[in-house]
Amino acid sequence: MDKDANGQNLDGPQDPARRRLLGCITVVGVGLALGGGETTQAAAAKADARLDQALRSQVRNIVVIYAENRSFNNLYSNFPGVQSPLSGVPASRSTQLDRDGHTPLARLPKIWGGLVPRPQDVDGKHFEITQDQIEDLSNGPFHLADAQGAPLPLGVITRDLWHRFYQNQMQINAGRNNQFV
């Protein structure tokens, strides 16, 4: 060890207090990062609960914008966190009725002209789904999908909704949504 004329160690730190301060900051930082010994899952659950509470108390309105000619259910029916996903709706609530409003249809009828009645090219892929390609559907919700089962892109124009007020009111049937076919 080298010493100066006063006998002080020249190899040691010039400001030991600074080193102790940095050491304390490091210990505090590690302690905060570890969450005081909590597991990561417990800390995440607490954070989720706080976030949920903050959203409930501070968010007044949620505005959802979606594509024209696509229903809310078409886009968000099985979105993660949905309280009642469409895939979990019982048949008693999704069965389509005949025009008499009482008789359940055995199968969904053909979509006249087809689901994608005119050939369309979207994002470099060709789409055309004729009425003969989409027949014998079971009575219930179905996905708008191509022949490989992939969801149809939003740019594909489908033939699935009417734009007539009174027919829409009949289809909605006081919220039961059971006369769309």
Foldseek 3Di string as FASTA:
>chain_A
DDADPVRDDPPDDPDVVVVVVVVVVVVVVVCVVCVVVDDPVVVVVVVVVVVVVCCVVPPDDDDDDDAPPADPLLPPQPPPPDPQRQVNDDCVLFFAADLVVPHGDQADAFLACAFQNDWDADPNDIDHGGSVNDGRHGGGDDHCAGPVRHHDDSPRDTDQDDPDVVVVCSCCVVPSNRHSD
